[in-house]
Amino acid sequence: MDKIAITTNVSLPMPVVLIGTQTGGKPNFMPAGWCTRANATPPMIACGINKVHRTAQAISECRTFSVNIPAVSLMEKTDYCGLVSGDTVDKSGIFSVCYGKLGTAPMIRECPVTMECMLVTAIELPTNILFIGEITGAYADPAVVRKGCADASAIDPLILTMPDNTYRTLGKVAGKAWNAGLALKRRGDSGVS
């Protein structure tokens, strides 16, 4: 093998989101990088949150949460939400808050895209809980909508890489999924000789 061993703390670039919960009668927000779509129909999202965070407790109790996609312009406020704990700091005034049809999943008006979720299941792992929620409502600023969908370039999302703990921006378009390999498919081979 021509590869070298590296840390097992390998992580792919991840979108940064702000998880919104209702706790102590107030909205609370926590940045998370371990969040991804988990099911097509109904649409579900999975978020891995460390058990020690107030957010994990709040999702377990309320059974609803929001996933908010901040633009790069919100990097300072997003990072701040991860530097302070909702146990000691009231984060309810950092953003303008709105609610959708669930009424208990605080969403952030300043974020270009927001989703409210109903908890489907929680999988307990050694350090984290993987919360899987059904996306019951999704909302976007009109400026980022193209053909009825949120456009990633217009959102200008934050991307997190680990273990270097660096925020990055979305790169250029490399190609279209389910299209870039069509020439190989038509030839009927994988290009391997």
N, C-alpha and C. Protein backbone atom coordinates (compact mmCIF):
# COMPACT_ATOMS: atom_id res chain seq x y z
N MET A 1 0.85 -1.17 0.00
CA MET A 1 0.00 0.00 0.00
C MET A 1 0.90 1.24 0.00
N ASP A 2 0.52 2.23 -0.80
CA ASP A 2 1.33 3.44 -0.89
C ASP A 2 0.75 4.60 -0.09
N LYS A 3 -0.10 4.30 0.85
CA LYS A 3 -0.69 5.32 1.72
C LYS A 3 0.03 5.29 3.07
N ILE A 4 -0.05 6.40 3.83
CA ILE A 4 0.54 6.43 5.16
C ILE A 4 -0.58 6.51 6.20
N ALA A 5 -0.30 6.04 7.38
CA ALA A 5 -1.29 6.06 8.47
C ALA A 5 -1.46 7.49 8.98
N ILE A 6 -2.72 7.87 9.24
CA ILE A 6 -3.03 9.18 9.80
C ILE A 6 -3.95 8.96 11.00
N THR A 7 -4.34 10.03 11.65
CA THR A 7 -5.24 9.93 12.79
C THR A 7 -6.57 9.30 12.35
N THR A 8 -7.17 8.55 13.24
CA THR A 8 -8.48 7.97 12.93
C THR A 8 -9.58 9.00 13.13
N ASN A 9 -9.23 10.20 13.60
CA ASN A 9 -10.19 11.30 13.74
C ASN A 9 -10.37 11.97 12.38
N VAL A 10 -10.67 11.16 11.37
CA VAL A 10 -10.83 11.64 10.01
C VAL A 10 -12.24 12.19 9.86
N SER A 11 -12.36 13.30 9.20
CA SER A 11 -13.67 13.88 8.99
C SER A 11 -13.72 14.53 7.63
N LEU A 12 -14.79 14.31 6.92
CA LEU A 12 -14.99 14.96 5.65
C LEU A 12 -15.43 16.40 5.88
N PRO A 13 -15.25 17.27 4.90
CA PRO A 13 -15.79 18.63 5.06
C PRO A 13 -17.29 18.55 5.34
N MET A 14 -17.75 19.35 6.30
CA MET A 14 -19.15 19.28 6.74
C MET A 14 -19.78 20.66 6.72
N PRO A 15 -21.07 20.72 6.36
CA PRO A 15 -21.75 22.01 6.47
C PRO A 15 -21.95 22.35 7.95
N VAL A 16 -21.78 23.61 8.30
CA VAL A 16 -22.02 24.07 9.66
C VAL A 16 -23.49 24.47 9.76
N VAL A 17 -24.17 23.99 10.78
CA VAL A 17 -25.56 24.37 11.02
C VAL A 17 -25.68 24.85 12.46
N LEU A 18 -26.76 25.55 12.72
CA LEU A 18 -27.09 25.93 14.09
C LEU A 18 -28.34 25.16 14.48
N ILE A 19 -28.22 24.34 15.52
CA ILE A 19 -29.36 23.56 16.02
C ILE A 19 -30.11 24.44 17.01
N GLY A 20 -31.40 24.61 16.78
CA GLY A 20 -32.22 25.41 17.67
C GLY A 20 -33.11 24.54 18.53
N THR A 21 -33.16 24.85 19.81
CA THR A 21 -34.02 24.11 20.74
C THR A 21 -34.71 25.10 21.67
N GLN A 22 -35.73 24.61 22.30
CA GLN A 22 -36.44 25.37 23.33
C GLN A 22 -35.99 24.80 24.67
N THR A 23 -35.42 25.63 25.53
CA THR A 23 -34.96 25.14 26.82
C THR A 23 -35.18 26.23 27.88
N GLY A 24 -35.77 25.84 28.96
CA GLY A 24 -36.07 26.80 30.02
C GLY A 24 -36.99 27.91 29.55
N GLY A 25 -37.85 27.61 28.58
CA GLY A 25 -38.77 28.61 28.06
C GLY A 25 -38.15 29.60 27.08
N LYS A 26 -36.87 29.38 26.69
CA LYS A 26 -36.18 30.30 25.79
C LYS A 26 -35.53 29.53 24.65
N PRO A 27 -35.34 30.20 23.51
CA PRO A 27 -34.59 29.58 22.41
C PRO A 27 -33.11 29.46 22.78
N ASN A 28 -32.49 28.40 22.30
CA ASN A 28 -31.07 28.18 22.51
C ASN A 28 -30.50 27.64 21.20
N PHE A 29 -29.26 28.03 20.87
CA PHE A 29 -28.67 27.61 19.61
C PHE A 29 -27.27 27.07 19.83
N MET A 30 -26.94 26.01 19.09
CA MET A 30 -25.63 25.37 19.18
C MET A 30 -25.15 25.05 17.77
N PRO A 31 -23.91 25.42 17.41
CA PRO A 31 -23.40 25.03 16.10
C PRO A 31 -23.07 23.54 16.08
N ALA A 32 -23.28 22.93 14.93
CA ALA A 32 -22.97 21.51 14.76
C ALA A 32 -22.45 21.27 13.35
N GLY A 33 -21.52 20.38 13.23
CA GLY A 33 -20.99 19.99 11.92
C GLY A 33 -21.42 18.59 11.53
N TRP A 34 -21.81 17.80 12.50
CA TRP A 34 -22.16 16.41 12.24
C TRP A 34 -23.65 16.32 11.96
N CYS A 35 -24.06 16.78 10.78
CA CYS A 35 -25.47 16.85 10.43
C CYS A 35 -25.62 16.54 8.94
N THR A 36 -26.53 15.64 8.60
CA THR A 36 -26.71 15.25 7.20
C THR A 36 -28.11 14.74 6.93
N ARG A 37 -28.55 14.81 5.69
CA ARG A 37 -29.82 14.20 5.31
C ARG A 37 -29.70 12.70 5.56
N ALA A 38 -30.79 12.09 6.05
CA ALA A 38 -30.75 10.68 6.41
C ALA A 38 -31.83 9.84 5.73
N ASN A 39 -32.86 10.47 5.16
CA ASN A 39 -33.94 9.74 4.51
C ASN A 39 -34.58 10.64 3.47
N ALA A 40 -35.06 10.02 2.37
CA ALA A 40 -35.67 10.80 1.29
C ALA A 40 -37.14 11.09 1.56
N THR A 41 -37.93 10.04 1.77
CA THR A 41 -39.38 10.22 1.98
C THR A 41 -39.83 9.40 3.16
N PRO A 42 -40.28 10.01 4.24
CA PRO A 42 -40.33 11.45 4.44
C PRO A 42 -38.92 12.00 4.63
N PRO A 43 -38.72 13.28 4.34
CA PRO A 43 -37.38 13.85 4.48
C PRO A 43 -36.94 13.88 5.95
N MET A 44 -35.75 13.31 6.19
CA MET A 44 -35.21 13.28 7.56
C MET A 44 -33.78 13.76 7.56
N ILE A 45 -33.37 14.25 8.70
CA ILE A 45 -32.01 14.75 8.89
C ILE A 45 -31.46 14.14 10.17
N ALA A 46 -30.16 13.83 10.18
CA ALA A 46 -29.51 13.24 11.35
C ALA A 46 -28.45 14.21 11.86
N CYS A 47 -28.43 14.42 13.17
CA CYS A 47 -27.46 15.33 13.79
C CYS A 47 -26.82 14.62 14.98
N GLY A 48 -25.50 14.53 14.98
CA GLY A 48 -24.77 13.95 16.10
C GLY A 48 -24.38 15.04 17.09
N ILE A 49 -24.89 14.92 18.32
CA ILE A 49 -24.65 15.94 19.34
C ILE A 49 -24.10 15.27 20.60
N ASN A 50 -23.04 15.83 21.14
CA ASN A 50 -22.43 15.28 22.34
C ASN A 50 -23.45 15.30 23.49
N LYS A 51 -23.44 14.23 24.26
CA LYS A 51 -24.40 14.06 25.37
C LYS A 51 -24.31 15.17 26.42
N VAL A 52 -23.15 15.81 26.54
CA VAL A 52 -22.98 16.82 27.60
C VAL A 52 -23.66 18.15 27.26
N HIS A 53 -24.03 18.34 26.00
CA HIS A 53 -24.61 19.62 25.60
C HIS A 53 -26.07 19.75 26.03
N ARG A 54 -26.42 20.94 26.44
CA ARG A 54 -27.81 21.26 26.80
C ARG A 54 -28.74 20.94 25.64
N THR A 55 -28.27 21.12 24.42
CA THR A 55 -29.08 20.87 23.22
C THR A 55 -29.55 19.42 23.17
N ALA A 56 -28.69 18.48 23.53
CA ALA A 56 -29.09 17.06 23.52
C ALA A 56 -30.23 16.82 24.50
N GLN A 57 -30.12 17.40 25.67
CA GLN A 57 -31.17 17.26 26.68
C GLN A 57 -32.47 17.91 26.20
N ALA A 58 -32.36 19.10 25.59
CA ALA A 58 -33.55 19.83 25.13
C ALA A 58 -34.28 19.09 24.02
N ILE A 59 -33.54 18.49 23.09
CA ILE A 59 -34.20 17.73 22.02
C ILE A 59 -34.91 16.52 22.61
N SER A 60 -34.26 15.84 23.54
CA SER A 60 -34.87 14.67 24.17
C SER A 60 -36.15 15.04 24.90
N GLU A 61 -36.17 16.19 25.54
CA GLU A 61 -37.35 16.61 26.31
C GLU A 61 -38.48 17.14 25.43
N CYS A 62 -38.13 18.04 24.50
CA CYS A 62 -39.15 18.72 23.70
C CYS A 62 -39.56 17.91 22.47
N ARG A 63 -38.63 17.10 21.95
CA ARG A 63 -38.85 16.24 20.79
C ARG A 63 -39.00 17.02 19.49
N THR A 64 -38.61 18.29 19.50
CA THR A 64 -38.53 19.09 18.29
C THR A 64 -37.23 19.87 18.31
N PHE A 65 -36.76 20.26 17.13
CA PHE A 65 -35.56 21.08 17.02
C PHE A 65 -35.54 21.70 15.63
N SER A 66 -34.70 22.70 15.46
CA SER A 66 -34.53 23.30 14.14
C SER A 66 -33.10 23.12 13.67
N VAL A 67 -32.94 23.13 12.36
CA VAL A 67 -31.62 23.11 11.74
C VAL A 67 -31.57 24.36 10.87
N ASN A 68 -30.64 25.25 11.19
CA ASN A 68 -30.51 26.54 10.52
C ASN A 68 -29.17 26.59 9.81
N ILE A 69 -29.18 26.99 8.54
CA ILE A 69 -27.94 27.04 7.77
C ILE A 69 -27.46 28.49 7.71
N PRO A 70 -26.40 28.80 8.46
CA PRO A 70 -25.89 30.18 8.46
C PRO A 70 -25.02 30.45 7.23
N ALA A 71 -25.06 31.67 6.75
CA ALA A 71 -24.14 32.12 5.70
C ALA A 71 -22.81 32.48 6.34
N VAL A 72 -21.79 32.60 5.52
CA VAL A 72 -20.46 32.99 6.00
C VAL A 72 -20.53 34.29 6.81
N SER A 73 -21.42 35.18 6.44
CA SER A 73 -21.55 36.45 7.14
C SER A 73 -21.95 36.28 8.61
N LEU A 74 -22.46 35.11 8.98
CA LEU A 74 -22.85 34.84 10.37
C LEU A 74 -21.80 34.02 11.13
N MET A 75 -20.58 33.92 10.57
CA MET A 75 -19.54 33.09 11.18
C MET A 75 -19.25 33.49 12.63
N GLU A 76 -19.10 34.77 12.91
CA GLU A 76 -18.75 35.22 14.26
C GLU A 76 -19.82 34.80 15.28
N LYS A 77 -21.09 35.07 14.97
CA LYS A 77 -22.18 34.70 15.88
C LYS A 77 -22.32 33.19 16.00
N THR A 78 -22.13 32.49 14.89
CA THR A 78 -22.21 31.03 14.90
C THR A 78 -21.14 30.45 15.80
N ASP A 79 -19.91 30.90 15.64
CA ASP A 79 -18.81 30.40 16.45
C ASP A 79 -19.01 30.74 17.93
N TYR A 80 -19.49 31.95 18.19
CA TYR A 80 -19.76 32.36 19.58
C TYR A 80 -20.73 31.39 20.25
N CYS A 81 -21.75 30.97 19.52
CA CYS A 81 -22.73 30.04 20.10
C CYS A 81 -22.09 28.71 20.52
N GLY A 82 -20.96 28.37 19.91
CA GLY A 82 -20.24 27.16 20.30
C GLY A 82 -19.23 27.39 21.40
N LEU A 83 -18.88 28.64 21.64
CA LEU A 83 -17.90 28.96 22.68
C LEU A 83 -18.53 29.10 24.06
N VAL A 84 -19.83 29.37 24.09
CA VAL A 84 -20.52 29.56 25.36
C VAL A 84 -21.62 28.52 25.51
N SER A 85 -21.89 28.14 26.74
CA SER A 85 -22.91 27.13 27.02
C SER A 85 -24.24 27.78 27.36
N GLY A 86 -25.30 27.17 26.88
CA GLY A 86 -26.65 27.61 27.24
C GLY A 86 -26.93 27.42 28.72
N ASP A 87 -26.08 26.65 29.40
CA ASP A 87 -26.23 26.48 30.85
C ASP A 87 -25.89 27.77 31.60
N THR A 88 -24.99 28.58 31.01
CA THR A 88 -24.54 29.79 31.71
C THR A 88 -24.81 31.08 30.96
N VAL A 89 -25.10 30.99 29.65
CA VAL A 89 -25.32 32.18 28.83
C VAL A 89 -26.66 32.07 28.12
N ASP A 90 -27.45 33.12 28.20
CA ASP A 90 -28.73 33.19 27.49
C ASP A 90 -28.45 33.57 26.04
N LYS A 91 -28.61 32.62 25.11
CA LYS A 91 -28.33 32.88 23.70
C LYS A 91 -29.58 33.28 22.92
N SER A 92 -30.68 33.51 23.62
CA SER A 92 -31.95 33.79 22.93
C SER A 92 -31.97 35.11 22.20
N GLY A 93 -31.09 36.05 22.54
CA GLY A 93 -31.10 37.36 21.91
C GLY A 93 -30.04 37.55 20.84
N ILE A 94 -29.28 36.52 20.53
CA ILE A 94 -28.21 36.66 19.53
C ILE A 94 -28.79 36.83 18.13
N PHE A 95 -29.88 36.15 17.86
CA PHE A 95 -30.53 36.18 16.55
C PHE A 95 -31.99 36.59 16.70
N SER A 96 -32.60 36.99 15.59
CA SER A 96 -34.05 37.18 15.55
C SER A 96 -34.67 35.80 15.38
N VAL A 97 -35.61 35.46 16.22
CA VAL A 97 -36.18 34.11 16.24
C VAL A 97 -37.57 34.11 15.62
N CYS A 98 -37.88 33.04 14.90
CA CYS A 98 -39.22 32.83 14.35
C CYS A 98 -39.58 31.35 14.55
N TYR A 99 -40.85 31.07 14.42
CA TYR A 99 -41.35 29.70 14.58
C TYR A 99 -42.21 29.33 13.40
N GLY A 100 -42.22 28.05 13.06
CA GLY A 100 -43.08 27.53 12.01
C GLY A 100 -44.28 26.84 12.62
N LYS A 101 -44.81 25.86 11.91
CA LYS A 101 -46.04 25.21 12.36
C LYS A 101 -45.88 24.37 13.62
N LEU A 102 -44.68 23.89 13.93
CA LEU A 102 -44.50 23.13 15.16
C LEU A 102 -44.62 24.02 16.40
N GLY A 103 -44.17 25.24 16.28
CA GLY A 103 -44.29 26.20 17.38
C GLY A 103 -43.30 26.03 18.51
N THR A 104 -42.46 24.98 18.46
CA THR A 104 -41.51 24.72 19.55
C THR A 104 -40.07 24.55 19.06
N ALA A 105 -39.85 24.77 17.77
CA ALA A 105 -38.50 24.64 17.21
C ALA A 105 -38.05 26.03 16.75
N PRO A 106 -37.30 26.76 17.60
CA PRO A 106 -36.91 28.12 17.24
C PRO A 106 -35.98 28.15 16.02
N MET A 107 -36.33 28.99 15.06
CA MET A 107 -35.52 29.13 13.85
C MET A 107 -34.95 30.55 13.79
N ILE A 108 -33.87 30.70 13.05
CA ILE A 108 -33.13 31.96 12.98
C ILE A 108 -33.47 32.70 11.69
N ARG A 109 -34.05 33.89 11.83
CA ARG A 109 -34.44 34.69 10.66
C ARG A 109 -33.24 35.03 9.78
N GLU A 110 -32.08 35.30 10.38
CA GLU A 110 -30.91 35.71 9.62
C GLU A 110 -30.31 34.59 8.78
N CYS A 111 -30.60 33.34 9.10
CA CYS A 111 -30.07 32.22 8.32
C CYS A 111 -30.83 32.08 7.01
N PRO A 112 -30.14 31.92 5.88
CA PRO A 112 -30.81 31.83 4.59
C PRO A 112 -31.77 30.65 4.47
N VAL A 113 -31.48 29.56 5.17
CA VAL A 113 -32.34 28.38 5.13
C VAL A 113 -32.55 27.87 6.55
N THR A 114 -33.79 27.55 6.87
CA THR A 114 -34.13 27.00 8.18
C THR A 114 -35.07 25.82 7.99
N MET A 115 -34.97 24.86 8.90
CA MET A 115 -35.84 23.68 8.87
C MET A 115 -36.32 23.40 10.28
N GLU A 116 -37.59 23.05 10.42
CA GLU A 116 -38.09 22.60 11.72
C GLU A 116 -38.28 21.10 11.64
N CYS A 117 -37.92 20.42 12.73
CA CYS A 117 -37.90 18.97 12.73
C CYS A 117 -38.61 18.39 13.94
N MET A 118 -39.24 17.26 13.72
CA MET A 118 -39.88 16.47 14.78
C MET A 118 -38.99 15.26 15.00
N LEU A 119 -38.59 15.02 16.24
CA LEU A 119 -37.71 13.90 16.55
C LEU A 119 -38.38 12.57 16.20
N VAL A 120 -37.67 11.73 15.44
CA VAL A 120 -38.15 10.40 15.07
C VAL A 120 -37.53 9.36 15.99
N THR A 121 -36.21 9.46 16.15
CA THR A 121 -35.50 8.51 17.01
C THR A 121 -34.18 9.13 17.46
N ALA A 122 -33.66 8.59 18.53
CA ALA A 122 -32.36 9.01 19.04
C ALA A 122 -31.54 7.75 19.29
N ILE A 123 -30.36 7.72 18.72
CA ILE A 123 -29.48 6.56 18.86
C ILE A 123 -28.32 6.96 19.76
N GLU A 124 -28.22 6.29 20.90
CA GLU A 124 -27.17 6.62 21.85
C GLU A 124 -25.87 5.93 21.44
N LEU A 125 -24.83 6.74 21.29
CA LEU A 125 -23.49 6.27 20.96
C LEU A 125 -22.60 6.53 22.18
N PRO A 126 -21.34 6.09 22.17
CA PRO A 126 -20.51 6.27 23.36
C PRO A 126 -20.42 7.71 23.87
N THR A 127 -20.20 8.69 23.00
CA THR A 127 -20.09 10.08 23.46
C THR A 127 -21.22 10.97 22.95
N ASN A 128 -21.83 10.59 21.87
CA ASN A 128 -22.84 11.42 21.24
C ASN A 128 -24.19 10.73 21.18
N ILE A 129 -25.21 11.51 20.87
CA ILE A 129 -26.52 10.97 20.54
C ILE A 129 -26.79 11.39 19.10
N LEU A 130 -27.17 10.43 18.27
CA LEU A 130 -27.53 10.72 16.89
C LEU A 130 -29.04 10.92 16.86
N PHE A 131 -29.44 12.18 16.71
CA PHE A 131 -30.85 12.53 16.65
C PHE A 131 -31.30 12.51 15.20
N ILE A 132 -32.35 11.77 14.91
CA ILE A 132 -32.91 11.74 13.56
C ILE A 132 -34.28 12.39 13.64
N GLY A 133 -34.43 13.44 12.86
CA GLY A 133 -35.69 14.18 12.88
C GLY A 133 -36.31 14.25 11.50
N GLU A 134 -37.64 14.22 11.46
CA GLU A 134 -38.36 14.43 10.21
C GLU A 134 -38.45 15.93 9.97
N ILE A 135 -38.08 16.36 8.78
CA ILE A 135 -38.17 17.77 8.42
C ILE A 135 -39.64 18.06 8.11
N THR A 136 -40.31 18.76 9.01
CA THR A 136 -41.74 19.03 8.83
C THR A 136 -42.00 20.36 8.13
N GLY A 137 -40.98 21.20 8.07
CA GLY A 137 -41.10 22.48 7.38
C GLY A 137 -39.72 22.99 7.01
N ALA A 138 -39.59 23.53 5.81
CA ALA A 138 -38.33 24.12 5.35
C ALA A 138 -38.64 25.49 4.77
N TYR A 139 -37.79 26.47 5.10
CA TYR A 139 -38.04 27.85 4.73
C TYR A 139 -36.74 28.47 4.23
N ALA A 140 -36.84 29.37 3.24
CA ALA A 140 -35.65 30.00 2.70
C ALA A 140 -35.92 31.46 2.36
N ASP A 141 -34.87 32.26 2.44
CA ASP A 141 -34.96 33.65 1.98
C ASP A 141 -35.17 33.61 0.47
N PRO A 142 -36.06 34.43 -0.06
CA PRO A 142 -36.30 34.44 -1.51
C PRO A 142 -35.02 34.64 -2.33
N ALA A 143 -34.05 35.38 -1.79
CA ALA A 143 -32.81 35.66 -2.53
C ALA A 143 -31.97 34.41 -2.81
N VAL A 144 -32.19 33.31 -2.07
CA VAL A 144 -31.38 32.10 -2.28
C VAL A 144 -32.16 31.00 -3.00
N VAL A 145 -33.38 31.29 -3.41
CA VAL A 145 -34.22 30.26 -4.04
C VAL A 145 -34.08 30.32 -5.56
N ARG A 146 -33.81 29.15 -6.14
CA ARG A 146 -33.73 28.99 -7.60
C ARG A 146 -34.61 27.79 -7.97
N LYS A 147 -35.60 27.99 -8.80
CA LYS A 147 -36.50 26.93 -9.25
C LYS A 147 -37.12 26.17 -8.08
N GLY A 148 -37.53 26.90 -7.03
CA GLY A 148 -38.21 26.30 -5.90
C GLY A 148 -37.31 25.64 -4.87
N CYS A 149 -36.00 25.68 -5.11
CA CYS A 149 -35.05 25.04 -4.18
C CYS A 149 -34.00 26.06 -3.72
N ALA A 150 -33.45 25.81 -2.55
CA ALA A 150 -32.36 26.66 -2.06
C ALA A 150 -31.10 26.36 -2.87
N ASP A 151 -30.43 27.40 -3.32
CA ASP A 151 -29.22 27.28 -4.12
C ASP A 151 -28.00 27.41 -3.21
N ALA A 152 -27.16 26.39 -3.19
CA ALA A 152 -26.01 26.35 -2.27
C ALA A 152 -25.09 27.55 -2.45
N SER A 153 -24.82 27.95 -3.67
CA SER A 153 -23.91 29.08 -3.89
C SER A 153 -24.51 30.37 -3.35
N ALA A 154 -25.81 30.54 -3.52
CA ALA A 154 -26.47 31.76 -3.03
C ALA A 154 -26.53 31.78 -1.50
N ILE A 155 -26.63 30.61 -0.88
CA ILE A 155 -26.64 30.54 0.59
C ILE A 155 -25.30 30.98 1.15
N ASP A 156 -24.19 30.62 0.48
CA ASP A 156 -22.83 30.91 0.93
C ASP A 156 -22.60 30.30 2.32
N PRO A 157 -22.77 28.96 2.42
CA PRO A 157 -22.69 28.31 3.73
C PRO A 157 -21.27 28.20 4.26
N LEU A 158 -21.19 28.05 5.56
CA LEU A 158 -19.92 27.74 6.21
C LEU A 158 -19.68 26.24 6.09
N ILE A 159 -18.43 25.87 5.86
CA ILE A 159 -18.02 24.47 5.81
C ILE A 159 -16.98 24.29 6.90
N LEU A 160 -17.07 23.19 7.64
CA LEU A 160 -16.12 22.90 8.72
C LEU A 160 -15.26 21.72 8.33
N THR A 161 -13.95 21.84 8.56
CA THR A 161 -13.06 20.69 8.41
C THR A 161 -12.45 20.39 9.77
N MET A 162 -12.27 19.10 10.01
CA MET A 162 -11.66 18.64 11.26
C MET A 162 -10.62 17.60 10.91
N PRO A 163 -9.60 17.37 11.66
CA PRO A 163 -9.36 17.89 13.00
C PRO A 163 -8.68 19.24 13.04
N ASP A 164 -8.54 19.95 11.90
CA ASP A 164 -7.90 21.27 11.94
C ASP A 164 -8.85 22.37 12.41
N ASN A 165 -10.15 22.04 12.61
CA ASN A 165 -11.15 22.98 13.13
C ASN A 165 -11.11 24.32 12.40
N THR A 166 -11.32 24.24 11.08
CA THR A 166 -11.25 25.42 10.23
C THR A 166 -12.57 25.62 9.50
N TYR A 167 -13.04 26.87 9.48
CA TYR A 167 -14.21 27.22 8.66
C TYR A 167 -13.72 27.51 7.24
N ARG A 168 -14.47 27.04 6.28
CA ARG A 168 -14.15 27.27 4.88
C ARG A 168 -15.42 27.69 4.15
N THR A 169 -15.26 28.05 2.89
CA THR A 169 -16.42 28.39 2.08
C THR A 169 -16.60 27.34 1.00
N LEU A 170 -17.75 27.34 0.40
CA LEU A 170 -18.07 26.40 -0.66
C LEU A 170 -17.19 26.70 -1.87
N GLY A 171 -16.66 25.66 -2.48
CA GLY A 171 -15.80 25.83 -3.66
C GLY A 171 -16.58 25.94 -4.95
N LYS A 172 -15.86 25.92 -6.04
CA LYS A 172 -16.49 26.04 -7.35
C LYS A 172 -17.18 24.73 -7.73
N VAL A 173 -18.09 24.81 -8.67
CA VAL A 173 -18.80 23.63 -9.16
C VAL A 173 -17.83 22.77 -9.94
N ALA A 174 -17.76 21.47 -9.63
CA ALA A 174 -16.86 20.55 -10.32
C ALA A 174 -17.58 19.76 -11.42
N GLY A 175 -18.88 19.59 -11.28
CA GLY A 175 -19.63 18.82 -12.27
C GLY A 175 -21.01 18.51 -11.74
N LYS A 176 -21.83 17.86 -12.54
CA LYS A 176 -23.20 17.51 -12.15
C LYS A 176 -23.25 16.05 -11.71
N ALA A 177 -23.85 15.82 -10.52
CA ALA A 177 -24.02 14.46 -10.02
C ALA A 177 -24.99 13.69 -10.93
N TRP A 178 -24.79 12.41 -11.04
CA TRP A 178 -25.57 11.52 -11.89
C TRP A 178 -25.50 11.96 -13.35
N ASN A 179 -24.36 12.60 -13.70
CA ASN A 179 -24.14 13.04 -15.07
C ASN A 179 -22.67 12.94 -15.43
N ALA A 180 -21.78 13.25 -14.50
CA ALA A 180 -20.35 13.29 -14.78
C ALA A 180 -19.79 11.94 -15.25
N GLY A 181 -20.41 10.83 -14.85
CA GLY A 181 -19.92 9.50 -15.24
C GLY A 181 -20.66 8.87 -16.39
N LEU A 182 -21.54 9.62 -17.05
CA LEU A 182 -22.34 9.03 -18.13
C LEU A 182 -21.52 8.51 -19.29
N ALA A 183 -20.42 9.19 -19.64
CA ALA A 183 -19.58 8.71 -20.75
C ALA A 183 -19.03 7.32 -20.45
N LEU A 184 -18.57 7.10 -19.21
CA LEU A 184 -18.09 5.76 -18.83
C LEU A 184 -19.20 4.74 -18.89
N LYS A 185 -20.38 5.12 -18.44
CA LYS A 185 -21.52 4.21 -18.45
C LYS A 185 -21.88 3.81 -19.87
N ARG A 186 -21.87 4.78 -20.79
CA ARG A 186 -22.20 4.49 -22.20
C ARG A 186 -21.19 3.54 -22.82
N ARG A 187 -19.92 3.67 -22.43
CA ARG A 187 -18.87 2.77 -22.95
C ARG A 187 -19.00 1.39 -22.35
N GLY A 188 -19.72 1.30 -21.22
CA GLY A 188 -19.94 -0.02 -20.60
C GLY A 188 -18.76 -0.54 -19.83
N ASP A 189 -17.85 0.36 -19.44
CA ASP A 189 -16.73 -0.10 -18.62
C ASP A 189 -16.40 0.95 -17.58
N SER A 190 -15.50 0.61 -16.71
CA SER A 190 -15.10 1.54 -15.66
C SER A 190 -13.83 2.29 -16.02
N GLY A 191 -13.33 2.06 -17.22
CA GLY A 191 -12.10 2.74 -17.63
C GLY A 191 -10.86 2.00 -17.15
N VAL A 192 -11.04 0.85 -16.52
CA VAL A 192 -9.91 0.09 -16.00
C VAL A 192 -9.45 -0.87 -17.09
N SER A 193 -8.13 -0.91 -17.31
CA SER A 193 -7.63 -1.82 -18.33
C SER A 193 -6.93 -3.00 -17.71
